[in-house]
Amino acid sequence: MIRLKRKLLLWLAGVAAPGIAAAQGPAGDPAGSGPIVAALGWLQGTLLGNVATAVAVIAVAMVGFMMLTGRLNWRFGATVIVGCFVLFGASAIVTGIQSTAMVAR
């Protein structure tokens, strides 16, 4: 328990000290990473496009049906639904974290 508190305090100190992060240099893509960044952008677009939407619809429908018939734990069903929110809201979550980090500087 004490280790967890110590780790939490160290993490909070790191978040509260933006000068350390600013000393690391500009936050740009490293030289030669253009193809990798493009490939990851394509992968993100593919997975968050029609594929992710279809899988999420099927998952939520299956969870809803299993909850309706009483064959699924409600906590697991809520976890699946929260996971869908995190999957589709990931870009908004990251944007919020980045804007918070910029305000702290």
PDB file of N, CA and C in Angstrom:
ATOM      1  N   MET A   1       0.821  -1.189   0.000  1.00  0.00           N
ATOM      2  CA  MET A   1       0.000   0.000   0.000  1.00  0.00           C
ATOM      3  C   MET A   1       0.869   1.259   0.000  1.00  0.00           C
ATOM      4  N   ILE A   2       1.974   1.185   0.764  1.00  0.00           N
ATOM      5  CA  ILE A   2       2.867   2.340   0.829  1.00  0.00           C
ATOM      6  C   ILE A   2       3.544   2.551  -0.512  1.00  0.00           C
ATOM      7  N   ARG A   3       3.917   1.447  -1.195  1.00  0.00           N
ATOM      8  CA  ARG A   3       4.544   1.573  -2.504  1.00  0.00           C
ATOM      9  C   ARG A   3       3.595   2.210  -3.507  1.00  0.00           C
ATOM     10  N   LEU A   4       2.331   1.834  -3.435  1.00  0.00           N
ATOM     11  CA  LEU A   4       1.336   2.418  -4.336  1.00  0.00           C
ATOM     12  C   LEU A   4       1.207   3.916  -4.089  1.00  0.00           C
ATOM     13  N   LYS A   5       1.183   4.317  -2.832  1.00  0.00           N
ATOM     14  CA  LYS A   5       1.106   5.740  -2.516  1.00  0.00           C
ATOM     15  C   LYS A   5       2.349   6.477  -3.000  1.00  0.00           C
ATOM     16  N   ARG A   6       3.513   5.840  -2.841  1.00  0.00           N
ATOM     17  CA  ARG A   6       4.760   6.464  -3.279  1.00  0.00           C
ATOM     18  C   ARG A   6       4.770   6.622  -4.798  1.00  0.00           C
ATOM     19  N   LYS A   7       4.319   5.587  -5.517  1.00  0.00           N
ATOM     20  CA  LYS A   7       4.259   5.679  -6.978  1.00  0.00           C
ATOM     21  C   LYS A   7       3.283   6.760  -7.423  1.00  0.00           C
ATOM     22  N   LEU A   8       2.150   6.855  -6.744  1.00  0.00           N
ATOM     23  CA  LEU A   8       1.168   7.875  -7.070  1.00  0.00           C
ATOM     24  C   LEU A   8       1.736   9.273  -6.847  1.00  0.00           C
ATOM     25  N   LEU A   9       2.441   9.459  -5.740  1.00  0.00           N
ATOM     26  CA  LEU A   9       3.050  10.768  -5.471  1.00  0.00           C
ATOM     27  C   LEU A   9       4.121  11.104  -6.499  1.00  0.00           C
ATOM     28  N   LEU A  10       4.931  10.121  -6.898  1.00  0.00           N
ATOM     29  CA  LEU A  10       5.939  10.367  -7.923  1.00  0.00           C
ATOM     30  C   LEU A  10       5.301  10.717  -9.257  1.00  0.00           C
ATOM     31  N   TRP A  11       4.195  10.026  -9.591  1.00  0.00           N
ATOM     32  CA  TRP A  11       3.496  10.320 -10.835  1.00  0.00           C
ATOM     33  C   TRP A  11       2.921  11.737 -10.797  1.00  0.00           C
ATOM     34  N   LEU A  12       2.306  12.107  -9.683  1.00  0.00           N
ATOM     35  CA  LEU A  12       1.756  13.450  -9.557  1.00  0.00           C
ATOM     36  C   LEU A  12       2.851  14.502  -9.622  1.00  0.00           C
ATOM     37  N   ALA A  13       4.021  14.218  -9.055  1.00  0.00           N
ATOM     38  CA  ALA A  13       5.131  15.161  -9.136  1.00  0.00           C
ATOM     39  C   ALA A  13       5.594  15.320 -10.574  1.00  0.00           C
ATOM     40  N   GLY A  14       5.584  14.230 -11.322  1.00  0.00           N
ATOM     41  CA  GLY A  14       5.965  14.305 -12.733  1.00  0.00           C
ATOM     42  C   GLY A  14       4.970  15.094 -13.560  1.00  0.00           C
ATOM     43  N   VAL A  15       3.703  14.949 -13.242  1.00  0.00           N
ATOM     44  CA  VAL A  15       2.668  15.700 -13.959  1.00  0.00           C
ATOM     45  C   VAL A  15       2.741  17.178 -13.593  1.00  0.00           C
ATOM     46  N   ALA A  16       3.057  17.464 -12.336  1.00  0.00           N
ATOM     47  CA  ALA A  16       3.074  18.848 -11.871  1.00  0.00           C
ATOM     48  C   ALA A  16       4.341  19.594 -12.267  1.00  0.00           C
ATOM     49  N   ALA A  17       5.336  18.888 -12.796  1.00  0.00           N
ATOM     50  CA  ALA A  17       6.594  19.528 -13.166  1.00  0.00           C
ATOM     51  C   ALA A  17       6.751  19.535 -14.682  1.00  0.00           C
ATOM     52  N   PRO A  18       6.089  20.458 -15.384  1.00  0.00           N
ATOM     53  CA  PRO A  18       6.168  20.453 -16.844  1.00  0.00           C
ATOM     54  C   PRO A  18       7.525  20.890 -17.372  1.00  0.00           C
ATOM     55  N   GLY A  19       8.352  21.512 -16.559  1.00  0.00           N
ATOM     56  CA  GLY A  19       9.673  21.930 -17.012  1.00  0.00           C
ATOM     57  C   GLY A  19      10.542  20.748 -17.394  1.00  0.00           C
ATOM     58  N   ILE A  20      10.348  19.625 -16.742  1.00  0.00           N
ATOM     59  CA  ILE A  20      11.122  18.434 -17.074  1.00  0.00           C
ATOM     60  C   ILE A  20      10.774  17.966 -18.476  1.00  0.00           C
ATOM     61  N   ALA A  21       9.503  17.963 -18.806  1.00  0.00           N
ATOM     62  CA  ALA A  21       9.082  17.527 -20.132  1.00  0.00           C
ATOM     63  C   ALA A  21       9.521  18.520 -21.200  1.00  0.00           C
ATOM     64  N   ALA A  22       9.559  19.798 -20.882  1.00  0.00           N
ATOM     65  CA  ALA A  22       9.966  20.799 -21.860  1.00  0.00           C
ATOM     66  C   ALA A  22      11.447  20.694 -22.178  1.00  0.00           C
ATOM     67  N   ALA A  23      12.237  20.154 -21.268  1.00  0.00           N
ATOM     68  CA  ALA A  23      13.669  20.038 -21.490  1.00  0.00           C
ATOM     69  C   ALA A  23      14.015  18.914 -22.455  1.00  0.00           C
ATOM     70  N   GLN A  24      13.041  18.109 -22.839  1.00  0.00           N
ATOM     71  CA  GLN A  24      13.302  16.977 -23.720  1.00  0.00           C
ATOM     72  C   GLN A  24      13.383  17.380 -25.173  1.00  0.00           C
ATOM     73  N   GLY A  25      13.056  18.572 -25.515  1.00  0.00           N
ATOM     74  CA  GLY A  25      13.156  19.026 -26.897  1.00  0.00           C
ATOM     75  C   GLY A  25      11.787  19.143 -27.538  1.00  0.00           C
ATOM     76  N   PRO A  26      11.780  19.503 -28.830  1.00  0.00           N
ATOM     77  CA  PRO A  26      10.506  19.687 -29.509  1.00  0.00           C
ATOM     78  C   PRO A  26       9.760  18.365 -29.666  1.00  0.00           C
ATOM     79  N   ALA A  27       8.443  18.461 -29.600  1.00  0.00           N
ATOM     80  CA  ALA A  27       7.613  17.267 -29.702  1.00  0.00           C
ATOM     81  C   ALA A  27       7.189  17.052 -31.151  1.00  0.00           C
ATOM     82  N   GLY A  28       8.112  16.686 -31.997  1.00  0.00           N
ATOM     83  CA  GLY A  28       7.808  16.420 -33.394  1.00  0.00           C
ATOM     84  C   GLY A  28       8.147  14.981 -33.730  1.00  0.00           C
ATOM     85  N   ASP A  29       7.879  14.594 -34.953  1.00  0.00           N
ATOM     86  CA  ASP A  29       8.226  13.256 -35.389  1.00  0.00           C
ATOM     87  C   ASP A  29       9.730  13.190 -35.644  1.00  0.00           C
ATOM     88  N   PRO A  30      10.368  12.095 -35.268  1.00  0.00           N
ATOM     89  CA  PRO A  30      11.795  11.975 -35.534  1.00  0.00           C
ATOM     90  C   PRO A  30      12.080  11.840 -37.020  1.00  0.00           C
ATOM     91  N   ALA A  31      13.289  12.136 -37.414  1.00  0.00           N
ATOM     92  CA  ALA A  31      13.664  12.070 -38.822  1.00  0.00           C
ATOM     93  C   ALA A  31      13.537  10.631 -39.332  1.00  0.00           C
ATOM     94  N   GLY A  32      12.968  10.474 -40.515  1.00  0.00           N
ATOM     95  CA  GLY A  32      12.832   9.158 -41.128  1.00  0.00           C
ATOM     96  C   GLY A  32      11.626   8.378 -40.685  1.00  0.00           C
ATOM     97  N   SER A  33      10.739   8.970 -39.900  1.00  0.00           N
ATOM     98  CA  SER A  33       9.578   8.224 -39.408  1.00  0.00           C
ATOM     99  C   SER A  33       8.335   8.446 -40.263  1.00  0.00           C
ATOM    100  N   GLY A  34       8.469   9.119 -41.393  1.00  0.00           N
ATOM    101  CA  GLY A  34       7.315   9.408 -42.241  1.00  0.00           C
ATOM    102  C   GLY A  34       6.525   8.184 -42.660  1.00  0.00           C
ATOM    103  N   PRO A  35       7.178   7.119 -43.190  1.00  0.00           N
ATOM    104  CA  PRO A  35       6.419   5.934 -43.587  1.00  0.00           C
ATOM    105  C   PRO A  35       5.752   5.232 -42.410  1.00  0.00           C
ATOM    106  N   ILE A  36       6.416   5.228 -41.262  1.00  0.00           N
ATOM    107  CA  ILE A  36       5.835   4.569 -40.089  1.00  0.00           C
ATOM    108  C   ILE A  36       4.610   5.335 -39.612  1.00  0.00           C
ATOM    109  N   VAL A  37       4.719   6.646 -39.563  1.00  0.00           N
ATOM    110  CA  VAL A  37       3.588   7.473 -39.138  1.00  0.00           C
ATOM    111  C   VAL A  37       2.424   7.317 -40.117  1.00  0.00           C
ATOM    112  N   ALA A  38       2.730   7.265 -41.412  1.00  0.00           N
ATOM    113  CA  ALA A  38       1.679   7.081 -42.417  1.00  0.00           C
ATOM    114  C   ALA A  38       1.007   5.730 -42.264  1.00  0.00           C
ATOM    115  N   ALA A  39       1.797   4.683 -42.012  1.00  0.00           N
ATOM    116  CA  ALA A  39       1.226   3.343 -41.840  1.00  0.00           C
ATOM    117  C   ALA A  39       0.342   3.278 -40.603  1.00  0.00           C
ATOM    118  N   LEU A  40       0.794   3.896 -39.510  1.00  0.00           N
ATOM    119  CA  LEU A  40      -0.021   3.897 -38.293  1.00  0.00           C
ATOM    120  C   LEU A  40      -1.293   4.726 -38.472  1.00  0.00           C
ATOM    121  N   GLY A  41      -1.199   5.811 -39.237  1.00  0.00           N
ATOM    122  CA  GLY A  41      -2.399   6.596 -39.549  1.00  0.00           C
ATOM    123  C   GLY A  41      -3.399   5.800 -40.363  1.00  0.00           C
ATOM    124  N   TRP A  42      -2.892   5.015 -41.329  1.00  0.00           N
ATOM    125  CA  TRP A  42      -3.784   4.158 -42.122  1.00  0.00           C
ATOM    126  C   TRP A  42      -4.431   3.101 -41.240  1.00  0.00           C
ATOM    127  N   LEU A  43      -3.632   2.487 -40.350  1.00  0.00           N
ATOM    128  CA  LEU A  43      -4.157   1.462 -39.450  1.00  0.00           C
ATOM    129  C   LEU A  43      -5.217   2.041 -38.530  1.00  0.00           C
ATOM    130  N   GLN A  44      -4.963   3.238 -38.005  1.00  0.00           N
ATOM    131  CA  GLN A  44      -5.944   3.890 -37.138  1.00  0.00           C
ATOM    132  C   GLN A  44      -7.225   4.188 -37.904  1.00  0.00           C
ATOM    133  N   GLY A  45      -7.100   4.704 -39.114  1.00  0.00           N
ATOM    134  CA  GLY A  45      -8.283   4.994 -39.917  1.00  0.00           C
ATOM    135  C   GLY A  45      -9.087   3.753 -40.241  1.00  0.00           C
ATOM    136  N   THR A  46      -8.372   2.658 -40.517  1.00  0.00           N
ATOM    137  CA  THR A  46      -9.058   1.400 -40.826  1.00  0.00           C
ATOM    138  C   THR A  46      -9.768   0.845 -39.607  1.00  0.00           C
ATOM    139  N   LEU A  47      -9.062   0.813 -38.479  1.00  0.00           N
ATOM    140  CA  LEU A  47      -9.638   0.209 -37.279  1.00  0.00           C
ATOM    141  C   LEU A  47     -10.727   1.068 -36.644  1.00  0.00           C
ATOM    142  N   LEU A  48     -10.647   2.370 -36.798  1.00  0.00           N
ATOM    143  CA  LEU A  48     -11.680   3.223 -36.218  1.00  0.00           C
ATOM    144  C   LEU A  48     -12.774   3.559 -37.219  1.00  0.00           C
ATOM    145  N   GLY A  49     -12.687   3.011 -38.414  1.00  0.00           N
ATOM    146  CA  GLY A  49     -13.694   3.252 -39.438  1.00  0.00           C
ATOM    147  C   GLY A  49     -14.784   2.199 -39.377  1.00  0.00           C
ATOM    148  N   ASN A  50     -15.036   1.605 -40.516  1.00  0.00           N
ATOM    149  CA  ASN A  50     -16.127   0.637 -40.637  1.00  0.00           C
ATOM    150  C   ASN A  50     -15.878  -0.640 -39.848  1.00  0.00           C
ATOM    151  N   VAL A  51     -14.618  -1.074 -39.754  1.00  0.00           N
ATOM    152  CA  VAL A  51     -14.314  -2.316 -39.040  1.00  0.00           C
ATOM    153  C   VAL A  51     -14.677  -2.183 -37.568  1.00  0.00           C
ATOM    154  N   ALA A  52     -14.196  -1.140 -36.926  1.00  0.00           N
ATOM    155  CA  ALA A  52     -14.465  -0.960 -35.496  1.00  0.00           C
ATOM    156  C   ALA A  52     -15.947  -0.723 -35.235  1.00  0.00           C
ATOM    157  N   THR A  53     -16.593   0.007 -36.117  1.00  0.00           N
ATOM    158  CA  THR A  53     -18.020   0.261 -35.937  1.00  0.00           C
ATOM    159  C   THR A  53     -18.814  -1.029 -36.012  1.00  0.00           C
ATOM    160  N   ALA A  54     -18.498  -1.873 -36.991  1.00  0.00           N
ATOM    161  CA  ALA A  54     -19.222  -3.141 -37.133  1.00  0.00           C
ATOM    162  C   ALA A  54     -18.976  -4.060 -35.941  1.00  0.00           C
ATOM    163  N   VAL A  55     -17.726  -4.144 -35.494  1.00  0.00           N
ATOM    164  CA  VAL A  55     -17.404  -5.000 -34.351  1.00  0.00           C
ATOM    165  C   VAL A  55     -18.070  -4.473 -33.083  1.00  0.00           C
ATOM    166  N   ALA A  56     -18.074  -3.162 -32.892  1.00  0.00           N
ATOM    167  CA  ALA A  56     -18.697  -2.590 -31.703  1.00  0.00           C
ATOM    168  C   ALA A  56     -20.205  -2.810 -31.698  1.00  0.00           C
ATOM    169  N   VAL A  57     -20.830  -2.672 -32.856  1.00  0.00           N
ATOM    170  CA  VAL A  57     -22.278  -2.910 -32.938  1.00  0.00           C
ATOM    171  C   VAL A  57     -22.593  -4.359 -32.609  1.00  0.00           C
ATOM    172  N   ILE A  58     -21.806  -5.286 -33.153  1.00  0.00           N
ATOM    173  CA  ILE A  58     -22.036  -6.706 -32.869  1.00  0.00           C
ATOM    174  C   ILE A  58     -21.796  -6.999 -31.396  1.00  0.00           C
ATOM    175  N   ALA A  59     -20.732  -6.443 -30.820  1.00  0.00           N
ATOM    176  CA  ALA A  59     -20.422  -6.698 -29.405  1.00  0.00           C
ATOM    177  C   ALA A  59     -21.519  -6.163 -28.491  1.00  0.00           C
ATOM    178  N   VAL A  60     -21.971  -4.952 -28.757  1.00  0.00           N
ATOM    179  CA  VAL A  60     -23.022  -4.371 -27.910  1.00  0.00           C
ATOM    180  C   VAL A  60     -24.332  -5.138 -28.082  1.00  0.00           C
ATOM    181  N   ALA A  61     -24.631  -5.578 -29.301  1.00  0.00           N
ATOM    182  CA  ALA A  61     -25.846  -6.354 -29.526  1.00  0.00           C
ATOM    183  C   ALA A  61     -25.777  -7.697 -28.798  1.00  0.00           C
ATOM    184  N   MET A  62     -24.632  -8.357 -28.857  1.00  0.00           N
ATOM    185  CA  MET A  62     -24.488  -9.651 -28.173  1.00  0.00           C
ATOM    186  C   MET A  62     -24.567  -9.473 -26.658  1.00  0.00           C
ATOM    187  N   VAL A  63     -23.908  -8.447 -26.139  1.00  0.00           N
ATOM    188  CA  VAL A  63     -23.958  -8.189 -24.698  1.00  0.00           C
ATOM    189  C   VAL A  63     -25.383  -7.863 -24.274  1.00  0.00           C
ATOM    190  N   GLY A  64     -26.066  -7.041 -25.049  1.00  0.00           N
ATOM    191  CA  GLY A  64     -27.454  -6.704 -24.728  1.00  0.00           C
ATOM    192  C   GLY A  64     -28.350  -7.920 -24.740  1.00  0.00           C
ATOM    193  N   PHE A  65     -28.177  -8.787 -25.723  1.00  0.00           N
ATOM    194  CA  PHE A  65     -29.000 -10.000 -25.793  1.00  0.00           C
ATOM    195  C   PHE A  65     -28.691 -10.929 -24.629  1.00  0.00           C
ATOM    196  N   MET A  66     -27.396 -11.085 -24.293  1.00  0.00           N
ATOM    197  CA  MET A  66     -27.036 -11.962 -23.181  1.00  0.00           C
ATOM    198  C   MET A  66     -27.511 -11.401 -21.844  1.00  0.00           C
ATOM    199  N   MET A  67     -27.484 -10.078 -21.698  1.00  0.00           N
ATOM    200  CA  MET A  67     -28.016  -9.469 -20.476  1.00  0.00           C
ATOM    201  C   MET A  67     -29.532  -9.665 -20.390  1.00  0.00           C
ATOM    202  N   LEU A  68     -30.177  -9.531 -21.534  1.00  0.00           N
ATOM    203  CA  LEU A  68     -31.630  -9.671 -21.571  1.00  0.00           C
ATOM    204  C   LEU A  68     -32.071 -11.076 -21.181  1.00  0.00           C
ATOM    205  N   THR A  69     -31.306 -12.075 -21.591  1.00  0.00           N
ATOM    206  CA  THR A  69     -31.656 -13.458 -21.274  1.00  0.00           C
ATOM    207  C   THR A  69     -31.100 -13.909 -19.933  1.00  0.00           C
ATOM    208  N   GLY A  70     -30.331 -13.055 -19.257  1.00  0.00           N
ATOM    209  CA  GLY A  70     -29.821 -13.395 -17.941  1.00  0.00           C
ATOM    210  C   GLY A  70     -28.603 -14.294 -17.967  1.00  0.00           C
ATOM    211  N   ARG A  71     -27.875 -14.325 -19.052  1.00  0.00           N
ATOM    212  CA  ARG A  71     -26.713 -15.205 -19.169  1.00  0.00           C
ATOM    213  C   ARG A  71     -25.388 -14.466 -19.056  1.00  0.00           C
ATOM    214  N   LEU A  72     -25.421 -13.212 -18.691  1.00  0.00           N
ATOM    215  CA  LEU A  72     -24.189 -12.447 -18.629  1.00  0.00           C
ATOM    216  C   LEU A  72     -24.164 -11.627 -17.358  1.00  0.00           C
ATOM    217  N   ASN A  73     -22.982 -11.515 -16.794  1.00  0.00           N
ATOM    218  CA  ASN A  73     -22.777 -10.675 -15.623  1.00  0.00           C
ATOM    219  C   ASN A  73     -22.931  -9.215 -16.043  1.00  0.00           C
ATOM    220  N   TRP A  74     -23.657  -8.432 -15.293  1.00  0.00           N
ATOM    221  CA  TRP A  74     -23.894  -7.029 -15.635  1.00  0.00           C
ATOM    222  C   TRP A  74     -22.597  -6.226 -15.632  1.00  0.00           C
ATOM    223  N   ARG A  75     -21.675  -6.576 -14.746  1.00  0.00           N
ATOM    224  CA  ARG A  75     -20.407  -5.861 -14.676  1.00  0.00           C
ATOM    225  C   ARG A  75     -19.599  -6.071 -15.960  1.00  0.00           C
ATOM    226  N   PHE A  76     -19.572  -7.304 -16.478  1.00  0.00           N
ATOM    227  CA  PHE A  76     -18.849  -7.569 -17.726  1.00  0.00           C
ATOM    228  C   PHE A  76     -19.506  -6.835 -18.891  1.00  0.00           C
ATOM    229  N   GLY A  77     -20.819  -6.805 -18.913  1.00  0.00           N
ATOM    230  CA  GLY A  77     -21.517  -6.070 -19.970  1.00  0.00           C
ATOM    231  C   GLY A  77     -21.211  -4.580 -19.936  1.00  0.00           C
ATOM    232  N   ALA A  78     -21.166  -4.026 -18.742  1.00  0.00           N
ATOM    233  CA  ALA A  78     -20.823  -2.608 -18.620  1.00  0.00           C
ATOM    234  C   ALA A  78     -19.383  -2.361 -19.058  1.00  0.00           C
ATOM    235  N   THR A  79     -18.497  -3.323 -18.796  1.00  0.00           N
ATOM    236  CA  THR A  79     -17.107  -3.195 -19.219  1.00  0.00           C
ATOM    237  C   THR A  79     -17.001  -3.145 -20.732  1.00  0.00           C
ATOM    238  N   VAL A  80     -17.766  -3.968 -21.428  1.00  0.00           N
ATOM    239  CA  VAL A  80     -17.751  -3.962 -22.897  1.00  0.00           C
ATOM    240  C   VAL A  80     -18.238  -2.619 -23.426  1.00  0.00           C
ATOM    241  N   ILE A  81     -19.288  -2.100 -22.849  1.00  0.00           N
ATOM    242  CA  ILE A  81     -19.847  -0.831 -23.317  1.00  0.00           C
ATOM    243  C   ILE A  81     -18.889   0.324 -23.033  1.00  0.00           C
ATOM    244  N   VAL A  82     -18.263   0.334 -21.847  1.00  0.00           N
ATOM    245  CA  VAL A  82     -17.277   1.370 -21.534  1.00  0.00           C
ATOM    246  C   VAL A  82     -16.076   1.241 -22.470  1.00  0.00           C
ATOM    247  N   GLY A  83     -15.689   0.010 -22.807  1.00  0.00           N
ATOM    248  CA  GLY A  83     -14.601  -0.200 -23.753  1.00  0.00           C
ATOM    249  C   GLY A  83     -14.904   0.390 -25.114  1.00  0.00           C
ATOM    250  N   CYS A  84     -16.142   0.290 -25.564  1.00  0.00           N
ATOM    251  CA  CYS A  84     -16.534   0.906 -26.835  1.00  0.00           C
ATOM    252  C   CYS A  84     -16.428   2.426 -26.762  1.00  0.00           C
ATOM    253  N   PHE A  85     -16.833   3.008 -25.643  1.00  0.00           N
ATOM    254  CA  PHE A  85     -16.703   4.456 -25.475  1.00  0.00           C
ATOM    255  C   PHE A  85     -15.238   4.875 -25.514  1.00  0.00           C
ATOM    256  N   VAL A  86     -14.365   4.106 -24.858  1.00  0.00           N
ATOM    257  CA  VAL A  86     -12.945   4.446 -24.849  1.00  0.00           C
ATOM    258  C   VAL A  86     -12.356   4.286 -26.246  1.00  0.00           C
ATOM    259  N   LEU A  87     -12.737   3.233 -26.963  1.00  0.00           N
ATOM    260  CA  LEU A  87     -12.216   3.004 -28.308  1.00  0.00           C
ATOM    261  C   LEU A  87     -12.549   4.162 -29.228  1.00  0.00           C
ATOM    262  N   PHE A  88     -13.809   4.563 -29.259  1.00  0.00           N
ATOM    263  CA  PHE A  88     -14.213   5.622 -30.177  1.00  0.00           C
ATOM    264  C   PHE A  88     -13.910   7.022 -29.644  1.00  0.00           C
ATOM    265  N   GLY A  89     -13.701   7.142 -28.342  1.00  0.00           N
ATOM    266  CA  GLY A  89     -13.386   8.447 -27.776  1.00  0.00           C
ATOM    267  C   GLY A  89     -11.902   8.641 -27.514  1.00  0.00           C
ATOM    268  N   ALA A  90     -11.068   7.707 -27.987  1.00  0.00           N
ATOM    269  CA  ALA A  90      -9.636   7.762 -27.695  1.00  0.00           C
ATOM    270  C   ALA A  90      -8.999   9.047 -28.210  1.00  0.00           C
ATOM    271  N   SER A  91      -9.356   9.468 -29.398  1.00  0.00           N
ATOM    272  CA  SER A  91      -8.743  10.691 -29.938  1.00  0.00           C
ATOM    273  C   SER A  91      -9.158  11.911 -29.117  1.00  0.00           C
ATOM    274  N   ALA A  92     -10.403  11.954 -28.669  1.00  0.00           N
ATOM    275  CA  ALA A  92     -10.837  13.077 -27.831  1.00  0.00           C
ATOM    276  C   ALA A  92     -10.156  13.043 -26.468  1.00  0.00           C
ATOM    277  N   ILE A  93      -9.938  11.845 -25.931  1.00  0.00           N
ATOM    278  CA  ILE A  93      -9.261  11.712 -24.643  1.00  0.00           C
ATOM    279  C   ILE A  93      -7.820  12.199 -24.752  1.00  0.00           C
ATOM    280  N   VAL A  94      -7.135  11.768 -25.811  1.00  0.00           N
ATOM    281  CA  VAL A  94      -5.739  12.186 -26.004  1.00  0.00           C
ATOM    282  C   VAL A  94      -5.651  13.688 -26.240  1.00  0.00           C
ATOM    283  N   THR A  95      -6.571  14.247 -27.011  1.00  0.00           N
ATOM    284  CA  THR A  95      -6.583  15.683 -27.248  1.00  0.00           C
ATOM    285  C   THR A  95      -6.777  16.448 -25.941  1.00  0.00           C
ATOM    286  N   GLY A  96      -7.647  15.965 -25.084  1.00  0.00           N
ATOM    287  CA  GLY A  96      -7.857  16.602 -23.785  1.00  0.00           C
ATOM    288  C   GLY A  96      -6.623  16.543 -22.909  1.00  0.00           C
ATOM    289  N   ILE A  97      -5.942  15.403 -22.916  1.00  0.00           N
ATOM    290  CA  ILE A  97      -4.710  15.278 -22.122  1.00  0.00           C
ATOM    291  C   ILE A  97      -3.634  16.208 -22.668  1.00  0.00           C
ATOM    292  N   GLN A  98      -3.498  16.280 -23.990  1.00  0.00           N
ATOM    293  CA  GLN A  98      -2.495  17.150 -24.583  1.00  0.00           C
ATOM    294  C   GLN A  98      -2.796  18.618 -24.296  1.00  0.00           C
ATOM    295  N   SER A  99      -4.054  19.012 -24.374  1.00  0.00           N
ATOM    296  CA  SER A  99      -4.393  20.410 -24.088  1.00  0.00           C
ATOM    297  C   SER A  99      -4.153  20.747 -22.627  1.00  0.00           C
ATOM    298  N   THR A 100      -4.392  19.794 -21.734  1.00  0.00           N
ATOM    299  CA  THR A 100      -4.104  20.008 -20.322  1.00  0.00           C
ATOM    300  C   THR A 100      -2.611  20.155 -20.095  1.00  0.00           C
ATOM    301  N   ALA A 101      -1.815  19.364 -20.798  1.00  0.00           N
ATOM    302  CA  ALA A 101      -0.359  19.452 -20.658  1.00  0.00           C
ATOM    303  C   ALA A 101       0.151  20.793 -21.215  1.00  0.00           C
ATOM    304  N   MET A 102      -0.469  21.292 -22.266  1.00  0.00           N
ATOM    305  CA  MET A 102      -0.044  22.576 -22.833  1.00  0.00           C
ATOM    306  C   MET A 102      -0.392  23.732 -21.897  1.00  0.00           C
ATOM    307  N   VAL A 103      -1.519  23.646 -21.210  1.00  0.00           N
ATOM    308  CA  VAL A 103      -1.922  24.696 -20.282  1.00  0.00           C
ATOM    309  C   VAL A 103      -0.986  24.709 -19.083  1.00  0.00           C
ATOM    310  N   ALA A 104      -0.511  23.544 -18.672  1.00  0.00           N
ATOM    311  CA  ALA A 104       0.369  23.454 -17.503  1.00  0.00           C
ATOM    312  C   ALA A 104       1.738  24.063 -17.787  1.00  0.00           C
ATOM    313  N   ARG A 105       2.138  24.135 -19.027  1.00  0.00           N
ATOM    314  CA  ARG A 105       3.450  24.725 -19.351  1.00  0.00           C
ATOM    315  C   ARG A 105       3.361  26.180 -19.141  1.00  0.00           C
TER     316      ARG A 105
END
